[in-house]
Amino acid sequence: METNFSLVQLADPATAESEEILRACVHCGFCTATCPTYALLGDELDSPRGRIYLIKDMLENDRPASERVVKHVDRCLSCLSCMTTCPSGVNYMHLVDHARAHIEETYKRSLIDRTARNMLAFVMPYPRRFRALVRFAVIAKLISPLLPSRFRAMLALAPSTPMFGRLIDGRNVWPANGARKKRVLLMQGCVQQVLASRINDATIRLLTRLGCEVVITDGSGCCGGLTHHLGKKNLALDAVRANVRSWMREHSAEPVDAIVINASGCGTTVKEYGFMLRNDAELAEAAQTVSALTRDISELLDETGLPEVSRPKKMNVTYHSACSLQHGQKVTIAPKTLLAAAGFSVTEPRESHLCCGSAGTYNMLQPEIASQLRDRKAENIARSAPDLVATGNLGCMMQLQDAVEVPVVHTVELLDWATGGPTPHGLR
């Protein structure tokens, strides 16, 4: 794609990066075949190629974001299916993230929209705030018909009977069972430790059973992905820097073999830390180290092998591959291989490349499209007649749990169960 940015514009590192991305696009349209919003809406501007044109025009002409641009960029799930499909290697992820930051800086949203987005950024990355909000949401559901549709969508996703686990503060260490073979850091996440701390518990049991010492560091927190995708660049980078400093402090004291993440949306963000802090004079090198050390839990287990399978499970599992894992991290085989090794019969639903509609905060900000994608995914899952659904991302679990007729559990919970752990909560 031909571009016409000025030298002054290209002096900005973000603009220079976006220009390179735009130049790589050859208008082939392969991306339209796998884009969920284009599949639903059939609008060229709701495809990656259409959004690329809108973003190019906005950035190249140094214009504030228009209502038209905001509408179609907001509809993007950042599922990154287009990047898996693209034969030219267009890094659409970096381009749309730049566009979101530009929108946040130059466009004034409606009061309801601003309030919703600011509330999400203020609450969800902070476990104690988020836990308080979930408690309030249980009561607020009683008056949800009186609220704007945006807030009704948020309340609908809140669990009616939340089961809160213990929030872990400060530095915590779980020693390996037997001789220590590896030393790993575990990212406990923000939303996940409030709504499903059992996933972290299962991860710790599995890793210690494998001979890993597991450490949660003092000062680590939200990955920054939530605020990053809302276009709130400074808030996101604050979270990124806090994690890099915390993890590198631990790594410098005694080297670790991996930073393990069991929420694939977070993993995709942390693997981008090197890029996000590429211009940070103090932390650029440390961020690269963090990204290089980061592994999804399924990647690490695939490298080490499972502990001895003590309870092989003869159950039909439909594996839902989270977009952030299959498209963002290119981890596609390991989870299915591990489930099969644990004794499960594994299938994938039709259209497995399409997003379920969760996409971080998307199902709260774009509930109509998210619901259509959820129902489409649920219909495809039902065709595979599973006993349960496994996935590697909490957002997908929350999105699908009320749409399918079987339990939805995290992959790591099933692997823990098969190798000696307790029955997953969803199967009790």
Protein backbone atom coordinates (compact mmCIF):
# COMPACT_ATOMS: atom_id res chain seq x y z
CA MET A 1 0.00 0.00 0.00
CA GLU A 2 1.39 3.42 -0.95
CA THR A 3 1.65 5.93 1.88
CA ASN A 4 2.30 9.67 2.03
CA PHE A 5 3.41 10.48 5.57
CA SER A 6 5.60 13.53 6.08
CA LEU A 7 9.06 13.36 7.66
CA VAL A 8 7.67 15.20 10.67
CA GLN A 9 4.98 12.55 11.11
CA LEU A 10 7.49 9.74 10.72
CA ALA A 11 9.59 11.21 13.54
CA ASP A 12 6.93 9.77 15.86
CA PRO A 13 7.87 6.11 16.53
CA ALA A 14 4.25 4.93 16.61
CA THR A 15 3.50 6.56 13.25
CA ALA A 16 6.70 5.18 11.73
CA GLU A 17 5.73 1.69 12.86
CA SER A 18 2.21 2.09 11.45
CA GLU A 19 3.57 3.28 8.11
CA GLU A 20 5.64 0.11 7.77
CA ILE A 21 2.57 -1.98 8.55
CA LEU A 22 0.44 -0.11 6.00
CA ARG A 23 3.08 -0.57 3.31
CA ALA A 24 3.02 -4.32 3.86
CA CYS A 25 -0.71 -4.57 3.00
CA VAL A 26 -1.37 -5.57 -0.64
CA HIS A 27 -5.20 -5.30 -0.54
CA CYS A 28 -5.57 -9.05 -1.22
CA GLY A 29 -8.65 -9.40 0.98
CA PHE A 30 -7.72 -12.81 2.43
CA CYS A 31 -8.42 -11.30 5.85
CA THR A 32 -12.08 -10.76 5.03
CA ALA A 33 -12.63 -14.53 4.82
CA THR A 34 -11.76 -15.09 8.49
CA CYS A 35 -12.87 -11.83 10.13
CA PRO A 36 -15.79 -12.47 12.55
CA THR A 37 -17.37 -9.03 12.19
CA TYR A 38 -17.22 -9.16 8.40
CA ALA A 39 -18.73 -12.66 8.48
CA LEU A 40 -21.63 -11.30 10.55
CA LEU A 41 -22.16 -7.84 9.11
CA GLY A 42 -20.87 -8.11 5.52
CA ASP A 43 -19.59 -4.52 5.61
CA GLU A 44 -16.15 -3.92 4.07
CA LEU A 45 -15.44 -1.32 6.76
CA ASP A 46 -15.99 -4.02 9.37
CA SER A 47 -13.20 -6.11 7.87
CA PRO A 48 -9.47 -5.68 8.59
CA ARG A 49 -8.88 -4.34 5.07
CA GLY A 50 -11.63 -1.75 5.47
CA ARG A 51 -10.36 -0.68 8.89
CA ILE A 52 -6.84 -0.39 7.50
CA TYR A 53 -8.10 2.12 4.91
CA LEU A 54 -9.90 4.13 7.59
CA ILE A 55 -6.86 4.14 9.90
CA LYS A 56 -4.50 5.08 7.06
CA ASP A 57 -6.66 8.04 6.08
CA MET A 58 -6.92 9.21 9.69
CA LEU A 59 -3.21 8.93 10.52
CA GLU A 60 -1.83 10.06 7.20
CA ASN A 61 -3.91 13.24 7.20
CA ASP A 62 -3.28 13.77 10.92
CA ARG A 63 -7.03 14.02 11.56
CA PRO A 64 -8.92 13.63 14.81
CA ALA A 65 -10.90 10.38 14.81
CA SER A 66 -14.32 10.71 13.22
CA GLU A 67 -17.52 9.03 14.36
CA ARG A 68 -17.26 6.73 11.33
CA VAL A 69 -13.73 5.61 12.18
CA VAL A 70 -14.61 5.08 15.83
CA LYS A 71 -17.67 3.00 14.97
CA HIS A 72 -15.74 0.50 12.85
CA VAL A 73 -12.56 0.36 14.93
CA ASP A 74 -14.65 -0.18 18.09
CA ARG A 75 -16.28 -3.14 16.38
CA CYS A 76 -12.90 -4.85 15.94
CA LEU A 77 -12.49 -7.71 18.42
CA SER A 78 -8.68 -7.81 18.13
CA CYS A 79 -9.11 -11.55 17.67
CA LEU A 80 -6.13 -11.40 15.25
CA SER A 81 -7.59 -14.07 12.99
CA CYS A 82 -6.66 -11.77 10.12
CA MET A 83 -2.98 -12.01 11.09
CA THR A 84 -3.11 -15.81 10.90
CA THR A 85 -4.64 -15.55 7.43
CA CYS A 86 -2.57 -12.69 5.99
CA PRO A 87 0.02 -13.90 3.43
CA SER A 88 1.93 -10.60 3.62
CA GLY A 89 2.60 -10.57 7.36
CA VAL A 90 0.66 -7.37 8.07
CA ASN A 91 0.86 -6.69 11.82
CA TYR A 92 -2.72 -5.54 12.17
CA MET A 93 -2.49 -5.81 15.98
CA HIS A 94 0.03 -2.97 16.28
CA LEU A 95 -1.85 -0.84 13.76
CA VAL A 96 -5.26 -1.10 15.44
CA ASP A 97 -3.70 -0.51 18.87
CA HIS A 98 -2.16 2.72 17.53
CA ALA A 99 -5.56 3.70 16.12
CA ARG A 100 -7.23 3.12 19.48
CA ALA A 101 -4.71 5.33 21.25
CA HIS A 102 -5.28 8.04 18.62
CA ILE A 103 -9.05 7.74 19.09
CA GLU A 104 -8.69 8.06 22.86
CA GLU A 105 -6.64 11.24 22.42
CA THR A 106 -8.70 12.95 19.73
CA TYR A 107 -12.34 11.82 19.96
CA LYS A 108 -14.93 12.79 22.56
CA ARG A 109 -17.30 9.90 23.21
CA SER A 110 -20.82 10.14 24.59
CA LEU A 111 -21.19 10.46 28.35
CA ILE A 112 -22.49 6.88 28.72
CA ASP A 113 -19.66 5.48 26.60
CA ARG A 114 -17.00 7.46 28.47
CA THR A 115 -18.44 6.43 31.82
CA ALA A 116 -18.53 2.74 30.91
CA ARG A 117 -15.00 2.67 29.53
CA ASN A 118 -13.55 4.69 32.40
CA MET A 119 -15.28 2.46 34.93
CA LEU A 120 -13.85 -0.67 33.30
CA ALA A 121 -10.35 0.84 33.32
CA PHE A 122 -10.69 2.01 36.93
CA VAL A 123 -12.08 -1.23 38.35
CA MET A 124 -11.23 -4.39 36.42
CA PRO A 125 -7.40 -4.28 36.61
CA TYR A 126 -7.58 -4.02 40.42
CA PRO A 127 -8.77 -7.22 42.15
CA ARG A 128 -10.10 -5.60 45.34
CA ARG A 129 -12.05 -2.97 43.43
CA PHE A 130 -13.34 -5.58 41.01
CA ARG A 131 -14.46 -7.91 43.81
CA ALA A 132 -16.39 -5.03 45.39
CA LEU A 133 -18.01 -4.25 42.03
CA VAL A 134 -19.08 -7.87 41.54
CA ARG A 135 -20.71 -7.85 44.97
CA PHE A 136 -22.54 -4.65 44.05
CA ALA A 137 -23.54 -6.12 40.67
CA VAL A 138 -25.44 -8.97 42.37
CA ILE A 139 -27.71 -6.34 43.96
CA ALA A 140 -27.75 -4.04 40.93
CA LYS A 141 -29.21 -6.83 38.78
CA LEU A 142 -32.51 -6.16 40.52
CA ILE A 143 -32.74 -2.76 38.84
CA SER A 144 -30.97 -3.64 35.58
CA PRO A 145 -34.10 -3.03 33.42
CA LEU A 146 -33.88 0.65 34.41
CA LEU A 147 -30.26 1.05 33.30
CA PRO A 148 -28.81 1.94 29.86
CA SER A 149 -28.17 -1.07 27.60
CA ARG A 150 -24.40 -0.79 28.01
CA PHE A 151 -24.66 -1.28 31.77
CA ARG A 152 -27.26 -4.03 31.42
CA ALA A 153 -24.77 -5.96 29.29
CA MET A 154 -22.11 -5.58 31.99
CA LEU A 155 -24.45 -6.76 34.74
CA ALA A 156 -25.55 -9.77 32.68
CA LEU A 157 -21.97 -11.08 32.75
CA ALA A 158 -21.60 -10.80 36.52
CA PRO A 159 -22.05 -14.15 38.32
CA SER A 160 -25.27 -14.35 40.34
CA THR A 161 -23.53 -16.34 43.09
CA PRO A 162 -19.87 -15.35 42.95
CA MET A 163 -17.36 -17.70 44.59
CA PHE A 164 -14.46 -15.55 45.67
CA GLY A 165 -11.09 -17.09 46.43
CA ARG A 166 -8.34 -15.64 48.56
CA LEU A 167 -6.51 -12.67 47.05
CA ILE A 168 -2.77 -13.28 47.32
CA ASP A 169 -0.73 -10.31 48.50
CA GLY A 170 3.02 -9.83 48.37
CA ARG A 171 5.59 -12.44 47.42
CA ASN A 172 4.51 -16.08 47.73
CA VAL A 173 6.50 -19.23 47.02
CA TRP A 174 5.28 -22.82 46.52
CA PRO A 175 8.16 -25.33 46.71
CA ALA A 176 8.52 -28.13 44.18
CA ASN A 177 7.39 -31.61 45.11
CA GLY A 178 10.66 -33.49 45.42
CA ALA A 179 13.82 -32.23 43.74
CA ARG A 180 13.46 -28.82 42.11
CA LYS A 181 13.73 -29.05 38.32
CA LYS A 182 12.57 -25.58 37.34
CA ARG A 183 11.85 -22.23 38.92
CA VAL A 184 8.95 -20.27 37.42
CA LEU A 185 7.00 -17.10 38.06
CA LEU A 186 3.22 -17.25 37.87
CA MET A 187 1.12 -14.30 36.80
CA GLN A 188 -2.08 -14.45 38.82
CA GLY A 189 -3.97 -11.89 36.74
CA CYS A 190 -6.64 -9.46 37.90
CA VAL A 191 -10.16 -10.60 36.96
CA GLN A 192 -9.24 -14.28 37.09
CA GLN A 193 -8.04 -14.29 40.68
CA VAL A 194 -11.38 -12.77 41.71
CA LEU A 195 -13.77 -14.91 39.66
CA ALA A 196 -11.82 -18.15 39.25
CA SER A 197 -8.82 -18.40 41.58
CA ARG A 198 -9.22 -22.17 41.25
CA ILE A 199 -7.44 -21.90 37.87
CA ASN A 200 -4.32 -20.55 39.58
CA ASP A 201 -4.65 -23.22 42.27
CA ALA A 202 -4.77 -25.97 39.63
CA THR A 203 -1.78 -24.43 37.85
CA ILE A 204 0.28 -24.35 41.04
CA ARG A 205 -0.58 -27.96 41.87
CA LEU A 206 0.39 -29.12 38.38
CA LEU A 207 3.66 -27.20 38.31
CA THR A 208 4.80 -28.24 41.78
CA ARG A 209 3.91 -31.86 40.91
CA LEU A 210 6.25 -31.50 37.93
CA GLY A 211 9.11 -30.34 40.15
CA CYS A 212 8.70 -26.59 39.60
CA GLU A 213 9.14 -24.02 42.33
CA VAL A 214 6.36 -21.46 41.74
CA VAL A 215 6.73 -17.81 42.72
CA ILE A 216 4.22 -14.96 42.69
CA THR A 217 6.18 -11.74 42.98
CA ASP A 218 5.44 -8.67 45.05
CA GLY A 219 4.35 -5.73 42.89
CA SER A 220 3.07 -7.63 39.86
CA GLY A 221 -0.52 -7.13 38.78
CA CYS A 222 -2.70 -6.64 35.72
CA CYS A 223 -0.92 -7.29 32.42
CA GLY A 224 -2.13 -3.94 31.04
CA GLY A 225 -4.06 -5.54 28.19
CA LEU A 226 -7.46 -4.27 29.27
CA THR A 227 -6.48 -0.59 29.33
CA HIS A 228 -4.26 -1.05 26.27
CA HIS A 229 -7.22 -2.21 24.18
CA LEU A 230 -9.32 0.66 25.50
CA GLY A 231 -6.72 3.01 24.01
CA LYS A 232 -5.58 4.20 27.44
CA LYS A 233 -1.90 4.03 26.59
CA ASN A 234 -0.43 5.60 29.72
CA LEU A 235 -2.40 3.42 32.12
CA ALA A 236 -1.40 0.33 30.16
CA LEU A 237 2.29 1.25 30.16
CA ASP A 238 2.19 1.90 33.90
CA ALA A 239 0.99 -1.68 34.43
CA VAL A 240 3.57 -3.05 32.01
CA ARG A 241 6.43 -1.26 33.74
CA ALA A 242 5.29 -2.42 37.18
CA ASN A 243 5.30 -6.05 36.04
CA VAL A 244 8.65 -5.80 34.28
CA ARG A 245 10.27 -4.27 37.35
CA SER A 246 8.71 -6.84 39.69
CA TRP A 247 9.61 -9.89 37.60
CA MET A 248 13.10 -8.73 36.72
CA ARG A 249 13.83 -8.03 40.38
CA GLU A 250 13.01 -11.69 41.12
CA HIS A 251 14.84 -12.96 38.04
CA SER A 252 17.95 -10.96 38.94
CA ALA A 253 17.97 -12.32 42.50
CA GLU A 254 17.74 -15.92 41.24
CA PRO A 255 17.11 -16.72 37.55
CA VAL A 256 13.77 -18.21 36.57
CA ASP A 257 13.11 -20.62 33.72
CA ALA A 258 9.78 -19.13 32.66
CA ILE A 259 7.02 -16.66 33.40
CA VAL A 260 3.89 -18.82 33.28
CA ILE A 261 0.52 -17.39 32.28
CA ASN A 262 -2.76 -19.32 32.29
CA ALA A 263 -5.00 -16.60 30.81
CA SER A 264 -4.18 -16.48 27.12
CA GLY A 265 -5.32 -12.88 26.69
CA CYS A 266 -2.76 -11.82 29.28
CA GLY A 267 -0.11 -14.02 27.69
CA THR A 268 -0.53 -12.34 24.32
CA THR A 269 -0.05 -8.93 25.94
CA VAL A 270 3.00 -9.92 28.01
CA LYS A 271 4.68 -11.42 24.95
CA GLU A 272 4.34 -7.92 23.44
CA TYR A 273 6.09 -6.16 26.35
CA GLY A 274 9.32 -5.93 24.38
CA PHE A 275 7.50 -4.04 21.63
CA MET A 276 5.45 -1.89 23.98
CA LEU A 277 8.56 -0.67 25.84
CA ARG A 278 10.87 -0.61 22.82
CA ASN A 279 11.46 3.14 23.25
CA ASP A 280 11.85 3.07 27.04
CA ALA A 281 15.50 3.81 27.75
CA GLU A 282 15.36 2.24 31.19
CA LEU A 283 13.29 -0.90 30.62
CA ALA A 284 13.51 -1.82 26.91
CA GLU A 285 16.04 -4.63 27.43
CA ALA A 286 14.29 -5.93 30.56
CA ALA A 287 10.94 -5.98 28.70
CA GLN A 288 12.51 -8.04 25.92
CA THR A 289 13.74 -10.52 28.53
CA VAL A 290 10.27 -10.77 30.08
CA SER A 291 8.64 -11.41 26.70
CA ALA A 292 11.22 -14.08 25.88
CA LEU A 293 10.61 -15.87 29.21
CA THR A 294 6.80 -15.85 28.90
CA ARG A 295 5.02 -19.16 28.29
CA ASP A 296 1.38 -20.10 28.21
CA ILE A 297 0.85 -22.91 30.72
CA SER A 298 0.15 -25.32 27.84
CA GLU A 299 3.48 -24.42 26.20
CA LEU A 300 5.41 -25.15 29.37
CA LEU A 301 3.57 -28.42 30.00
CA ASP A 302 4.19 -29.44 26.39
CA GLU A 303 7.92 -28.82 26.92
CA THR A 304 8.13 -30.70 30.24
CA GLY A 305 5.47 -33.38 29.75
CA LEU A 306 2.59 -34.08 32.13
CA PRO A 307 2.99 -35.65 35.55
CA GLU A 308 1.89 -39.29 35.66
CA VAL A 309 -1.75 -39.60 34.64
CA SER A 310 -3.39 -41.28 37.59
CA ARG A 311 -7.00 -40.89 36.53
CA PRO A 312 -7.43 -41.12 32.74
CA LYS A 313 -10.76 -39.58 31.79
CA LYS A 314 -12.85 -41.18 29.07
CA MET A 315 -14.84 -38.07 28.25
CA ASN A 316 -15.53 -36.22 25.02
CA VAL A 317 -13.96 -32.77 25.24
CA THR A 318 -14.59 -30.04 22.70
CA TYR A 319 -11.57 -27.78 22.79
CA HIS A 320 -12.37 -24.11 22.18
CA SER A 321 -9.17 -22.42 21.07
CA ALA A 322 -9.14 -18.87 22.44
CA CYS A 323 -8.23 -16.32 19.77
CA SER A 324 -5.47 -14.89 21.93
CA LEU A 325 -3.87 -18.34 22.08
CA GLN A 326 -4.32 -19.58 18.51
CA HIS A 327 -3.92 -16.26 16.68
CA GLY A 328 -2.11 -14.06 19.20
CA GLN A 329 0.45 -16.60 20.44
CA LYS A 330 0.24 -19.22 17.65
CA VAL A 331 -0.25 -21.98 20.23
CA THR A 332 -2.58 -24.43 18.51
CA ILE A 333 -1.41 -28.02 19.03
CA ALA A 334 -0.13 -28.21 22.63
CA PRO A 335 -3.46 -27.95 24.51
CA LYS A 336 -5.08 -30.66 22.40
CA THR A 337 -2.03 -32.93 22.69
CA LEU A 338 -2.00 -32.54 26.47
CA LEU A 339 -5.72 -33.27 26.83
CA ALA A 340 -5.36 -36.38 24.69
CA ALA A 341 -2.37 -37.49 26.78
CA ALA A 342 -4.58 -37.12 29.87
CA GLY A 343 -7.06 -39.62 28.38
CA PHE A 344 -9.69 -37.28 26.96
CA SER A 345 -11.20 -37.68 23.50
CA VAL A 346 -10.63 -34.25 21.91
CA THR A 347 -12.49 -32.56 19.08
CA GLU A 348 -12.75 -28.98 17.84
CA PRO A 349 -15.95 -27.25 16.73
CA ARG A 350 -16.60 -26.13 13.18
CA GLU A 351 -15.34 -22.57 12.49
CA SER A 352 -12.83 -22.99 15.31
CA HIS A 353 -10.92 -19.94 14.02
CA LEU A 354 -13.85 -17.60 14.77
CA CYS A 355 -14.05 -15.63 18.03
CA CYS A 356 -16.67 -16.45 20.67
CA GLY A 357 -17.30 -12.71 21.18
CA SER A 358 -15.66 -12.31 24.59
CA ALA A 359 -12.50 -10.45 23.53
CA GLY A 360 -11.63 -8.79 26.83
CA THR A 361 -14.24 -6.09 27.42
CA TYR A 362 -15.83 -6.43 23.97
CA ASN A 363 -18.86 -8.37 25.20
CA MET A 364 -19.66 -5.44 27.51
CA LEU A 365 -18.99 -2.66 25.01
CA GLN A 366 -20.42 -4.34 21.90
CA PRO A 367 -23.01 -6.72 23.41
CA GLU A 368 -25.13 -7.22 20.27
CA ILE A 369 -22.27 -8.43 18.07
CA ALA A 370 -20.75 -10.39 20.96
CA SER A 371 -24.04 -12.21 21.56
CA GLN A 372 -24.34 -13.20 17.90
CA LEU A 373 -20.80 -14.56 17.91
CA ARG A 374 -21.43 -16.40 21.19
CA ASP A 375 -24.57 -18.06 19.84
CA ARG A 376 -22.80 -19.04 16.63
CA LYS A 377 -19.95 -20.58 18.62
CA ALA A 378 -22.36 -22.39 20.96
CA GLU A 379 -24.25 -23.86 18.01
CA ASN A 380 -21.01 -25.18 16.50
CA ILE A 381 -19.94 -26.63 19.85
CA ALA A 382 -23.29 -28.40 20.27
CA ARG A 383 -22.77 -30.17 16.93
CA SER A 384 -19.69 -31.90 18.35
CA ALA A 385 -21.82 -33.41 21.18
CA PRO A 386 -19.26 -32.94 23.96
CA ASP A 387 -19.38 -33.96 27.61
CA LEU A 388 -17.62 -30.71 28.43
CA VAL A 389 -15.81 -27.77 26.83
CA ALA A 390 -12.19 -26.89 27.58
CA THR A 391 -10.49 -23.57 26.87
CA GLY A 392 -7.42 -21.65 28.00
CA ASN A 393 -8.93 -18.25 28.73
CA LEU A 394 -11.29 -17.09 31.47
CA GLY A 395 -13.05 -14.60 29.20
CA CYS A 396 -14.09 -17.41 26.85
CA MET A 397 -15.26 -19.48 29.82
CA MET A 398 -17.47 -16.63 31.07
CA GLN A 399 -18.82 -15.96 27.60
CA LEU A 400 -19.76 -19.56 26.85
CA GLN A 401 -20.83 -20.96 30.22
CA ASP A 402 -24.50 -19.99 29.91
CA ALA A 403 -24.69 -20.56 26.15
CA VAL A 404 -23.76 -24.24 26.04
CA GLU A 405 -25.46 -27.13 27.84
CA VAL A 406 -22.29 -28.73 29.24
CA PRO A 407 -19.66 -27.47 31.73
CA VAL A 408 -16.97 -25.09 30.46
CA VAL A 409 -13.66 -25.52 32.28
CA HIS A 410 -10.08 -24.36 31.94
CA THR A 411 -7.70 -26.78 30.22
CA VAL A 412 -5.36 -26.70 33.20
CA GLU A 413 -8.16 -27.80 35.56
CA LEU A 414 -8.69 -30.94 33.48
CA LEU A 415 -4.97 -31.71 33.35
CA ASP A 416 -4.68 -31.22 37.11
CA TRP A 417 -7.68 -33.51 37.67
CA ALA A 418 -6.24 -36.26 35.47
CA THR A 419 -2.91 -36.16 37.28
CA GLY A 420 -4.18 -36.28 40.85
CA GLY A 421 -5.96 -33.01 41.53
CA PRO A 422 -9.55 -32.43 42.66
CA THR A 423 -12.58 -32.59 40.40
CA PRO A 424 -12.96 -29.24 38.59
CA HIS A 425 -15.64 -27.02 40.08
CA GLY A 426 -17.75 -27.09 36.92
CA LEU A 427 -17.97 -30.89 36.99
CA ARG A 428 -18.95 -31.34 40.63
